């Protein structure tokens, strides 16, 4: 039975590996590749409003590449950003001679584990987008779903240390603008090396072949997921229906035992075809 659980666990691990998380280093926008990994940090923004006799501070904590790092235990649990949040909004009220009072904390982007942003852009001809939008929904408050829209702006002469600017938070929608070199497509920024643009969009294919990576990664994902499901269903059938045990729980065990020899024969056959050799006589069985 332990073997069954081990095989099932391995299969689901393969499925999780195949459905990889949002890759900030190779973010795809309209067929172009962007490297946003230099922005992969928890960033804090703050806007203060005078509300006599108090000051209201609205803070945003965000990471465009992954969910925020969990806050330390020093922060009361009720005042912490929700788990799995990519962008968190908190409102704190300050009054003279009184302790700060947190009045609001919630996720403006990211709610459930596995939530990922979408990247959108409008293209003109064969030019890479000068701007694109990073979008992700957050929690629902009073039947209104909060969300975030970050407009990334290509700034070749800027610095990736530049922080995003708060545009507005209205009707549950947080709008930010972020001008950084990382928002330039790799083939345009000068820091990304060779062109990395999808040839279907009119660009050149890079040496690493990343422009075709989407197709091959999809095929690889389908193969891994399919094999994992085959393994899980096959093992469950052998155990629950056939009542097999030991190695006999592996589906099509006879085939997998012969598989290495089949691969060797196929390789030899292909080598003979390529090299022009033909083996005479009988093969050993």
C-alpha atoms as a PDB file:
ATOM      1  CA  UNK A   1       0.000   0.000   0.000  1.00  0.00           C
ATOM      2  CA  UNK A   2       2.930   2.309   0.666  1.00  0.00           C
ATOM      3  CA  UNK A   3       4.033   1.762  -2.917  1.00  0.00           C
ATOM      4  CA  UNK A   4       0.620   2.912  -4.118  1.00  0.00           C
ATOM      5  CA  UNK A   5       0.784   6.143  -2.126  1.00  0.00           C
ATOM      6  CA  UNK A   6       4.345   6.749  -3.315  1.00  0.00           C
ATOM      7  CA  UNK A   7       3.350   6.358  -6.961  1.00  0.00           C
ATOM      8  CA  UNK A   8       0.270   8.546  -6.557  1.00  0.00           C
ATOM      9  CA  UNK A   9       2.307  11.232  -4.791  1.00  0.00           C
ATOM     10  CA  UNK A  10       4.940  11.129  -7.552  1.00  0.00           C
ATOM     11  CA  UNK A  11       2.269  11.459 -10.226  1.00  0.00           C
ATOM     12  CA  UNK A  12       0.685  14.500  -8.620  1.00  0.00           C
ATOM     13  CA  UNK A  13       4.138  16.020  -8.083  1.00  0.00           C
ATOM     14  CA  UNK A  14       4.775  15.644 -11.808  1.00  0.00           C
ATOM     15  CA  UNK A  15       1.455  17.322 -12.576  1.00  0.00           C
ATOM     16  CA  UNK A  16       2.340  20.219 -10.270  1.00  0.00           C
ATOM     17  CA  UNK A  17       5.758  20.513 -11.881  1.00  0.00           C
ATOM     18  CA  UNK A  18       4.256  20.516 -15.359  1.00  0.00           C
ATOM     19  CA  UNK A  19       1.819  23.314 -14.556  1.00  0.00           C
ATOM     20  CA  UNK A  20       4.581  25.710 -13.615  1.00  0.00           C
ATOM     21  CA  UNK A  21       3.869  28.951 -11.834  1.00  0.00           C
ATOM     22  CA  UNK A  22       3.986  32.425 -13.368  1.00  0.00           C
ATOM     23  CA  UNK A  23       7.518  32.906 -14.719  1.00  0.00           C
ATOM     24  CA  UNK A  24       8.584  36.498 -14.153  1.00  0.00           C
ATOM     25  CA  UNK A  25      11.888  35.948 -15.945  1.00  0.00           C
ATOM     26  CA  UNK A  26      10.185  34.949 -19.182  1.00  0.00           C
ATOM     27  CA  UNK A  27       6.868  36.781 -19.052  1.00  0.00           C
ATOM     28  CA  UNK A  28       5.038  36.557 -22.375  1.00  0.00           C
ATOM     29  CA  UNK A  29       3.159  39.601 -23.657  1.00  0.00           C
ATOM     30  CA  UNK A  30       1.689  39.642 -27.170  1.00  0.00           C
ATOM     31  CA  UNK A  31       4.351  37.218 -28.390  1.00  0.00           C
ATOM     32  CA  UNK A  32       7.260  39.128 -26.835  1.00  0.00           C
ATOM     33  CA  UNK A  33       9.348  38.102 -23.842  1.00  0.00           C
ATOM     34  CA  UNK A  34       9.938  40.345 -20.825  1.00  0.00           C
ATOM     35  CA  UNK A  35      12.270  39.773 -17.890  1.00  0.00           C
ATOM     36  CA  UNK A  36      10.576  41.153 -14.779  1.00  0.00           C
ATOM     37  CA  UNK A  37      12.696  39.146 -12.334  1.00  0.00           C
ATOM     38  CA  UNK A  38      14.574  42.263 -11.213  1.00  0.00           C
ATOM     39  CA  UNK A  39      11.273  43.512  -9.748  1.00  0.00           C
ATOM     40  CA  UNK A  40      10.688  40.333  -7.734  1.00  0.00           C
ATOM     41  CA  UNK A  41      10.693  41.917  -4.284  1.00  0.00           C
ATOM     42  CA  UNK A  42       8.091  42.931  -1.735  1.00  0.00           C
ATOM     43  CA  UNK A  43       7.646  46.669  -2.296  1.00  0.00           C
ATOM     44  CA  UNK A  44       5.877  49.083   0.056  1.00  0.00           C
ATOM     45  CA  UNK A  45       4.009  52.197  -1.076  1.00  0.00           C
ATOM     46  CA  UNK A  46       2.330  54.725   1.185  1.00  0.00           C
ATOM     47  CA  UNK A  47      -0.070  57.625   0.775  1.00  0.00           C
ATOM     48  CA  UNK A  48      -1.074  59.853   3.716  1.00  0.00           C
ATOM     49  CA  UNK A  49      -4.246  61.889   4.020  1.00  0.00           C
ATOM     50  CA  UNK A  50      -4.913  64.481   6.699  1.00  0.00           C
ATOM     51  CA  UNK A  51      -8.243  63.752   8.355  1.00  0.00           C
ATOM     52  CA  UNK A  52      -8.366  66.045  11.416  1.00  0.00           C
ATOM     53  CA  UNK A  53      -7.832  65.242  14.163  1.00  0.00           C
ATOM     54  CA  UNK A  54      -6.121  62.186  12.665  1.00  0.00           C
ATOM     55  CA  UNK A  55      -3.862  61.199   9.786  1.00  0.00           C
ATOM     56  CA  UNK A  56      -4.943  58.284   7.638  1.00  0.00           C
ATOM     57  CA  UNK A  57      -2.141  56.264   6.088  1.00  0.00           C
ATOM     58  CA  UNK A  58      -2.941  53.915   3.200  1.00  0.00           C
ATOM     59  CA  UNK A  59      -0.180  51.402   2.526  1.00  0.00           C
ATOM     60  CA  UNK A  60       0.201  49.012  -0.363  1.00  0.00           C
ATOM     61  CA  UNK A  61       2.551  46.059  -0.271  1.00  0.00           C
ATOM     62  CA  UNK A  62       3.127  44.319  -3.583  1.00  0.00           C
ATOM     63  CA  UNK A  63       5.230  41.841  -5.499  1.00  0.00           C
ATOM     64  CA  UNK A  64       4.580  41.492  -9.260  1.00  0.00           C
ATOM     65  CA  UNK A  65       6.236  38.071  -9.460  1.00  0.00           C
ATOM     66  CA  UNK A  66       4.920  36.029  -6.535  1.00  0.00           C
ATOM     67  CA  UNK A  67       2.664  36.119  -3.475  1.00  0.00           C
ATOM     68  CA  UNK A  68       3.902  38.305  -0.632  1.00  0.00           C
ATOM     69  CA  UNK A  69       6.166  36.887   2.035  1.00  0.00           C
ATOM     70  CA  UNK A  70       4.222  36.117   5.209  1.00  0.00           C
ATOM     71  CA  UNK A  71       4.515  38.799   7.875  1.00  0.00           C
ATOM     72  CA  UNK A  72       6.313  38.087  11.115  1.00  0.00           C
ATOM     73  CA  UNK A  73       4.551  36.907  14.246  1.00  0.00           C
ATOM     74  CA  UNK A  74       5.212  40.342  15.781  1.00  0.00           C
ATOM     75  CA  UNK A  75       2.291  41.652  13.741  1.00  0.00           C
ATOM     76  CA  UNK A  76      -1.087  40.687  15.240  1.00  0.00           C
ATOM     77  CA  UNK A  77      -2.753  38.066  13.066  1.00  0.00           C
ATOM     78  CA  UNK A  78      -5.797  40.252  12.523  1.00  0.00           C
ATOM     79  CA  UNK A  79      -3.556  43.010  11.107  1.00  0.00           C
ATOM     80  CA  UNK A  80      -1.588  40.787   8.714  1.00  0.00           C
ATOM     81  CA  UNK A  81      -2.006  40.633   4.964  1.00  0.00           C
ATOM     82  CA  UNK A  82      -4.025  37.593   3.855  1.00  0.00           C
ATOM     83  CA  UNK A  83      -2.178  34.493   2.762  1.00  0.00           C
ATOM     84  CA  UNK A  84      -1.638  34.144  -1.027  1.00  0.00           C
ATOM     85  CA  UNK A  85      -1.994  37.908  -1.561  1.00  0.00           C
ATOM     86  CA  UNK A  86       0.195  39.446  -4.285  1.00  0.00           C
ATOM     87  CA  UNK A  87      -0.871  42.987  -3.379  1.00  0.00           C
ATOM     88  CA  UNK A  88      -2.155  43.972   0.043  1.00  0.00           C
ATOM     89  CA  UNK A  89      -3.898  47.198   1.072  1.00  0.00           C
ATOM     90  CA  UNK A  90      -3.918  48.377   4.675  1.00  0.00           C
ATOM     91  CA  UNK A  91      -5.329  51.537   6.217  1.00  0.00           C
ATOM     92  CA  UNK A  92      -3.953  52.840   9.508  1.00  0.00           C
ATOM     93  CA  UNK A  93      -5.307  55.715  11.551  1.00  0.00           C
ATOM     94  CA  UNK A  94      -2.875  57.885  13.548  1.00  0.00           C
ATOM     95  CA  UNK A  95      -3.965  60.212  16.327  1.00  0.00           C
ATOM     96  CA  UNK A  96      -1.755  62.237  18.594  1.00  0.00           C
ATOM     97  CA  UNK A  97      -0.795  60.497  21.860  1.00  0.00           C
ATOM     98  CA  UNK A  98      -2.653  57.350  20.833  1.00  0.00           C
ATOM     99  CA  UNK A  99      -1.462  54.069  19.423  1.00  0.00           C
ATOM    100  CA  UNK A 100      -1.893  53.585  15.648  1.00  0.00           C
ATOM    101  CA  UNK A 101      -5.107  51.778  14.814  1.00  0.00           C
ATOM    102  CA  UNK A 102      -5.330  49.497  11.764  1.00  0.00           C
ATOM    103  CA  UNK A 103      -8.818  49.909  10.330  1.00  0.00           C
ATOM    104  CA  UNK A 104      -8.542  47.864   7.151  1.00  0.00           C
ATOM    105  CA  UNK A 105      -6.367  45.051   5.730  1.00  0.00           C
ATOM    106  CA  UNK A 106      -7.189  42.998   2.641  1.00  0.00           C
ATOM    107  CA  UNK A 107      -5.876  41.622  -0.645  1.00  0.00           C
ATOM    108  CA  UNK A 108      -6.262  43.805  -3.715  1.00  0.00           C
ATOM    109  CA  UNK A 109      -4.688  41.069  -5.866  1.00  0.00           C
ATOM    110  CA  UNK A 110      -4.468  37.342  -5.221  1.00  0.00           C
ATOM    111  CA  UNK A 111      -6.820  35.361  -3.001  1.00  0.00           C
ATOM    112  CA  UNK A 112      -6.384  31.647  -3.536  1.00  0.00           C
ATOM    113  CA  UNK A 113      -3.265  29.556  -3.850  1.00  0.00           C
ATOM    114  CA  UNK A 114      -2.381  29.321  -7.512  1.00  0.00           C
ATOM    115  CA  UNK A 115      -3.835  32.705  -8.487  1.00  0.00           C
ATOM    116  CA  UNK A 116      -1.688  34.285 -11.186  1.00  0.00           C
ATOM    117  CA  UNK A 117      -1.773  37.617 -13.020  1.00  0.00           C
ATOM    118  CA  UNK A 118      -2.635  38.074 -16.680  1.00  0.00           C
ATOM    119  CA  UNK A 119      -0.548  40.293 -18.958  1.00  0.00           C
ATOM    120  CA  UNK A 120      -2.314  42.276 -21.661  1.00  0.00           C
ATOM    121  CA  UNK A 121      -1.129  44.707 -24.325  1.00  0.00           C
ATOM    122  CA  UNK A 122      -2.091  46.293 -27.604  1.00  0.00           C
ATOM    123  CA  UNK A 123       0.382  45.897 -30.435  1.00  0.00           C
ATOM    124  CA  UNK A 124       1.038  48.048 -33.479  1.00  0.00           C
ATOM    125  CA  UNK A 125       2.573  46.298 -36.458  1.00  0.00           C
ATOM    126  CA  UNK A 126       5.714  44.362 -35.601  1.00  0.00           C
ATOM    127  CA  UNK A 127       6.801  46.594 -32.741  1.00  0.00           C
ATOM    128  CA  UNK A 128       6.900  45.338 -29.185  1.00  0.00           C
ATOM    129  CA  UNK A 129       4.376  47.021 -26.864  1.00  0.00           C
ATOM    130  CA  UNK A 130       5.704  50.131 -25.134  1.00  0.00           C
ATOM    131  CA  UNK A 131       3.227  49.500 -22.340  1.00  0.00           C
ATOM    132  CA  UNK A 132       1.378  46.497 -21.021  1.00  0.00           C
ATOM    133  CA  UNK A 133      -1.018  45.766 -18.170  1.00  0.00           C
ATOM    134  CA  UNK A 134      -0.572  43.379 -15.245  1.00  0.00           C
ATOM    135  CA  UNK A 135      -4.001  42.365 -13.895  1.00  0.00           C
ATOM    136  CA  UNK A 136      -5.132  40.209 -10.989  1.00  0.00           C
ATOM    137  CA  UNK A 137      -8.344  40.051  -8.973  1.00  0.00           C
ATOM    138  CA  UNK A 138      -8.469  40.236  -5.188  1.00  0.00           C
ATOM    139  CA  UNK A 139     -11.059  39.733  -2.470  1.00  0.00           C
ATOM    140  CA  UNK A 140     -14.756  40.506  -2.626  1.00  0.00           C
ATOM    141  CA  UNK A 141     -15.896  43.316  -0.338  1.00  0.00           C
ATOM    142  CA  UNK A 142     -19.582  44.232  -0.096  1.00  0.00           C
ATOM    143  CA  UNK A 143     -20.310  42.293  -3.320  1.00  0.00           C
ATOM    144  CA  UNK A 144     -17.550  44.245  -5.102  1.00  0.00           C
ATOM    145  CA  UNK A 145     -14.499  42.340  -6.312  1.00  0.00           C
ATOM    146  CA  UNK A 146     -11.307  44.247  -5.718  1.00  0.00           C
ATOM    147  CA  UNK A 147      -8.603  44.054  -8.357  1.00  0.00           C
ATOM    148  CA  UNK A 148      -5.328  45.591  -9.478  1.00  0.00           C
ATOM    149  CA  UNK A 149      -4.215  46.976 -12.831  1.00  0.00           C
ATOM    150  CA  UNK A 150      -0.506  47.814 -13.077  1.00  0.00           C
ATOM    151  CA  UNK A 151       0.453  49.628 -16.253  1.00  0.00           C
ATOM    152  CA  UNK A 152       4.079  48.819 -17.024  1.00  0.00           C
ATOM    153  CA  UNK A 153       5.816  51.453 -19.147  1.00  0.00           C
ATOM    154  CA  UNK A 154       9.037  50.773 -21.045  1.00  0.00           C
ATOM    155  CA  UNK A 155      11.696  53.217 -19.819  1.00  0.00           C
ATOM    156  CA  UNK A 156      15.029  52.230 -21.396  1.00  0.00           C
ATOM    157  CA  UNK A 157      16.928  55.016 -19.676  1.00  0.00           C
ATOM    158  CA  UNK A 158      15.376  54.465 -16.276  1.00  0.00           C
ATOM    159  CA  UNK A 159      16.245  52.290 -13.306  1.00  0.00           C
ATOM    160  CA  UNK A 160      14.601  49.049 -12.247  1.00  0.00           C
ATOM    161  CA  UNK A 161      14.776  50.373  -8.689  1.00  0.00           C
ATOM    162  CA  UNK A 162      12.086  52.905  -9.565  1.00  0.00           C
ATOM    163  CA  UNK A 163       8.929  52.293  -7.572  1.00  0.00           C
ATOM    164  CA  UNK A 164       5.426  52.177  -9.014  1.00  0.00           C
ATOM    165  CA  UNK A 165       3.236  55.237  -8.698  1.00  0.00           C
ATOM    166  CA  UNK A 166      -0.253  55.098  -7.243  1.00  0.00           C
ATOM    167  CA  UNK A 167      -2.763  56.442  -9.751  1.00  0.00           C
ATOM    168  CA  UNK A 168      -5.971  55.802  -7.824  1.00  0.00           C
ATOM    169  CA  UNK A 169      -8.010  53.316  -5.846  1.00  0.00           C
ATOM    170  CA  UNK A 170     -11.619  53.671  -6.909  1.00  0.00           C
ATOM    171  CA  UNK A 171     -14.570  51.284  -6.839  1.00  0.00           C
ATOM    172  CA  UNK A 172     -12.285  48.491  -5.685  1.00  0.00           C
ATOM    173  CA  UNK A 173      -9.829  48.935  -8.573  1.00  0.00           C
ATOM    174  CA  UNK A 174      -6.233  49.839  -7.736  1.00  0.00           C
ATOM    175  CA  UNK A 175      -4.384  51.473 -10.622  1.00  0.00           C
ATOM    176  CA  UNK A 176      -0.597  51.764 -10.613  1.00  0.00           C
ATOM    177  CA  UNK A 177       1.976  52.958 -13.152  1.00  0.00           C
ATOM    178  CA  UNK A 178       5.477  51.521 -13.222  1.00  0.00           C
ATOM    179  CA  UNK A 179       8.162  52.923 -15.543  1.00  0.00           C
ATOM    180  CA  UNK A 180      11.211  50.646 -15.619  1.00  0.00           C
ATOM    181  CA  UNK A 181      13.641  49.133 -18.179  1.00  0.00           C
ATOM    182  CA  UNK A 182      12.268  45.698 -17.256  1.00  0.00           C
ATOM    183  CA  UNK A 183       9.041  46.737 -18.986  1.00  0.00           C
ATOM    184  CA  UNK A 184      10.908  46.743 -22.317  1.00  0.00           C
ATOM    185  CA  UNK A 185      10.907  43.573 -24.401  1.00  0.00           C
ATOM    186  CA  UNK A 186      14.209  41.711 -24.213  1.00  0.00           C
ATOM    187  CA  UNK A 187      15.117  42.435 -27.825  1.00  0.00           C
ATOM    188  CA  UNK A 188      14.476  46.162 -27.281  1.00  0.00           C
ATOM    189  CA  UNK A 189      15.950  46.832 -23.827  1.00  0.00           C
ATOM    190  CA  UNK A 190      19.588  46.275 -24.733  1.00  0.00           C
ATOM    191  CA  UNK A 191      20.067  44.163 -21.606  1.00  0.00           C
ATOM    192  CA  UNK A 192      18.350  41.042 -22.807  1.00  0.00           C
ATOM    193  CA  UNK A 193      20.862  39.971 -25.441  1.00  0.00           C
ATOM    194  CA  UNK A 194      19.593  38.498 -28.690  1.00  0.00           C
ATOM    195  CA  UNK A 195      16.091  38.975 -29.978  1.00  0.00           C
ATOM    196  CA  UNK A 196      13.467  37.006 -28.142  1.00  0.00           C
ATOM    197  CA  UNK A 197      10.401  37.776 -30.102  1.00  0.00           C
ATOM    198  CA  UNK A 198       7.863  35.333 -31.438  1.00  0.00           C
ATOM    199  CA  UNK A 199       8.591  34.803 -35.154  1.00  0.00           C
ATOM    200  CA  UNK A 200       4.855  34.801 -35.837  1.00  0.00           C
ATOM    201  CA  UNK A 201       4.908  38.484 -34.884  1.00  0.00           C
ATOM    202  CA  UNK A 202       7.621  39.213 -37.442  1.00  0.00           C
ATOM    203  CA  UNK A 203      10.687  39.030 -35.201  1.00  0.00           C
ATOM    204  CA  UNK A 204      13.771  36.847 -35.212  1.00  0.00           C
ATOM    205  CA  UNK A 205      14.090  33.621 -33.335  1.00  0.00           C
ATOM    206  CA  UNK A 206      16.670  33.743 -30.538  1.00  0.00           C
ATOM    207  CA  UNK A 207      19.526  31.269 -30.255  1.00  0.00           C
ATOM    208  CA  UNK A 208      17.968  29.567 -27.261  1.00  0.00           C
ATOM    209  CA  UNK A 209      14.777  28.907 -29.183  1.00  0.00           C
ATOM    210  CA  UNK A 210      12.577  30.502 -26.536  1.00  0.00           C
ATOM    211  CA  UNK A 211      10.198  31.742 -29.237  1.00  0.00           C
ATOM    212  CA  UNK A 212       9.128  28.150 -29.827  1.00  0.00           C
ATOM    213  CA  UNK A 213       9.183  27.307 -26.148  1.00  0.00           C
ATOM    214  CA  UNK A 214       5.464  27.860 -25.759  1.00  0.00           C
ATOM    215  CA  UNK A 215       4.552  25.069 -28.194  1.00  0.00           C
ATOM    216  CA  UNK A 216       7.068  22.541 -26.905  1.00  0.00           C
ATOM    217  CA  UNK A 217       6.331  23.325 -23.255  1.00  0.00           C
ATOM    218  CA  UNK A 218       2.626  22.739 -23.948  1.00  0.00           C
ATOM    219  CA  UNK A 219       3.369  19.381 -25.581  1.00  0.00           C
ATOM    220  CA  UNK A 220       5.653  18.442 -22.686  1.00  0.00           C
ATOM    221  CA  UNK A 221       2.975  19.452 -20.162  1.00  0.00           C
ATOM    222  CA  UNK A 222       0.333  17.351 -21.925  1.00  0.00           C
ATOM    223  CA  UNK A 223       2.658  14.339 -22.049  1.00  0.00           C
ATOM    224  CA  UNK A 224       3.586  14.609 -18.365  1.00  0.00           C
ATOM    225  CA  UNK A 225      -0.001  15.136 -17.224  1.00  0.00           C
ATOM    226  CA  UNK A 226      -1.241  12.316 -19.451  1.00  0.00           C
ATOM    227  CA  UNK A 227       1.407   9.887 -18.192  1.00  0.00           C
ATOM    228  CA  UNK A 228       0.698  10.879 -14.585  1.00  0.00           C
ATOM    229  CA  UNK A 229      -3.031  10.256 -14.988  1.00  0.00           C
ATOM    230  CA  UNK A 230      -2.329   6.952 -16.720  1.00  0.00           C
ATOM    231  CA  UNK A 231      -0.109   5.916 -13.813  1.00  0.00           C
ATOM    232  CA  UNK A 232      -2.578   6.978 -11.097  1.00  0.00           C
ATOM    233  CA  UNK A 233      -5.658   5.424 -12.744  1.00  0.00           C
ATOM    234  CA  UNK A 234      -3.741   2.264 -13.668  1.00  0.00           C
ATOM    235  CA  UNK A 235      -2.403   1.752 -10.149  1.00  0.00           C
ATOM    236  CA  UNK A 236      -5.800   2.355  -8.573  1.00  0.00           C
ATOM    237  CA  UNK A 237      -7.411  -0.148 -10.964  1.00  0.00           C
ATOM    238  CA  UNK A 238      -4.767  -2.796 -10.244  1.00  0.00           C
ATOM    239  CA  UNK A 239      -5.092  -2.358  -6.481  1.00  0.00           C
ATOM    240  CA  UNK A 240      -8.844  -1.862  -6.087  1.00  0.00           C
ATOM    241  CA  UNK A 241     -10.172  -4.118  -8.871  1.00  0.00           C
ATOM    242  CA  UNK A 242      -7.488  -6.712  -9.650  1.00  0.00           C
ATOM    243  CA  UNK A 243      -6.239  -6.806  -6.026  1.00  0.00           C
ATOM    244  CA  UNK A 244      -2.630  -6.833  -7.222  1.00  0.00           C
ATOM    245  CA  UNK A 245       0.333  -6.192  -4.941  1.00  0.00           C
ATOM    246  CA  UNK A 246       4.028  -5.418  -5.197  1.00  0.00           C
ATOM    247  CA  UNK A 247       5.326  -4.561  -8.673  1.00  0.00           C
ATOM    248  CA  UNK A 248       2.185  -6.065 -10.204  1.00  0.00           C
ATOM    249  CA  UNK A 249       0.318  -2.857  -9.376  1.00  0.00           C
ATOM    250  CA  UNK A 250       2.229  -1.074 -12.172  1.00  0.00           C
ATOM    251  CA  UNK A 251      -0.063  -0.886 -15.223  1.00  0.00           C
ATOM    252  CA  UNK A 252       1.187  -2.811 -18.289  1.00  0.00           C
ATOM    253  CA  UNK A 253       4.124  -4.168 -16.317  1.00  0.00           C
ATOM    254  CA  UNK A 254       5.211  -6.566 -19.097  1.00  0.00           C
ATOM    255  CA  UNK A 255       5.482  -3.675 -21.556  1.00  0.00           C
ATOM    256  CA  UNK A 256       7.566  -1.529 -19.193  1.00  0.00           C
ATOM    257  CA  UNK A 257       9.899  -4.446 -18.547  1.00  0.00           C
ATOM    258  CA  UNK A 258      10.512  -4.768 -22.281  1.00  0.00           C
ATOM    259  CA  UNK A 259      10.633  -1.017 -22.884  1.00  0.00           C
ATOM    260  CA  UNK A 260      14.438  -0.598 -22.420  1.00  0.00           C
ATOM    261  CA  UNK A 261      15.075  -3.395 -24.936  1.00  0.00           C
ATOM    262  CA  UNK A 262      12.606  -1.882 -27.398  1.00  0.00           C
ATOM    263  CA  UNK A 263      14.401   1.469 -27.102  1.00  0.00           C
ATOM    264  CA  UNK A 264      17.770  -0.242 -27.659  1.00  0.00           C
ATOM    265  CA  UNK A 265      16.478  -2.061 -30.760  1.00  0.00           C
ATOM    266  CA  UNK A 266      14.965   1.134 -32.132  1.00  0.00           C
ATOM    267  CA  UNK A 267      18.194   3.061 -31.529  1.00  0.00           C
ATOM    268  CA  UNK A 268      20.234   0.335 -33.245  1.00  0.00           C
ATOM    269  CA  UNK A 269      17.808   0.281 -36.164  1.00  0.00           C
ATOM    270  CA  UNK A 270      18.013   4.066 -36.602  1.00  0.00           C
ATOM    271  CA  UNK A 271      21.803   3.975 -36.365  1.00  0.00           C
ATOM    272  CA  UNK A 272      21.957   1.302 -39.058  1.00  0.00           C
ATOM    273  CA  UNK A 273      19.734   3.411 -41.304  1.00  0.00           C
ATOM    274  CA  UNK A 274      21.799   6.565 -40.781  1.00  0.00           C
ATOM    275  CA  UNK A 275      25.179   4.861 -41.141  1.00  0.00           C
ATOM    276  CA  UNK A 276      24.076   2.801 -44.140  1.00  0.00           C
ATOM    277  CA  UNK A 277      24.772  -0.474 -42.402  1.00  0.00           C
ATOM    278  CA  UNK A 278      22.505  -3.469 -42.636  1.00  0.00           C
ATOM    279  CA  UNK A 279      22.849  -6.407 -40.348  1.00  0.00           C
ATOM    280  CA  UNK A 280      22.665  -9.779 -42.114  1.00  0.00           C
ATOM    281  CA  UNK A 281      21.412 -13.031 -40.634  1.00  0.00           C
ATOM    282  CA  UNK A 282      19.251 -13.638 -37.601  1.00  0.00           C
ATOM    283  CA  UNK A 283      18.820 -11.548 -34.482  1.00  0.00           C
ATOM    284  CA  UNK A 284      19.197 -13.092 -31.058  1.00  0.00           C
ATOM    285  CA  UNK A 285      15.801 -13.474 -29.380  1.00  0.00           C
END
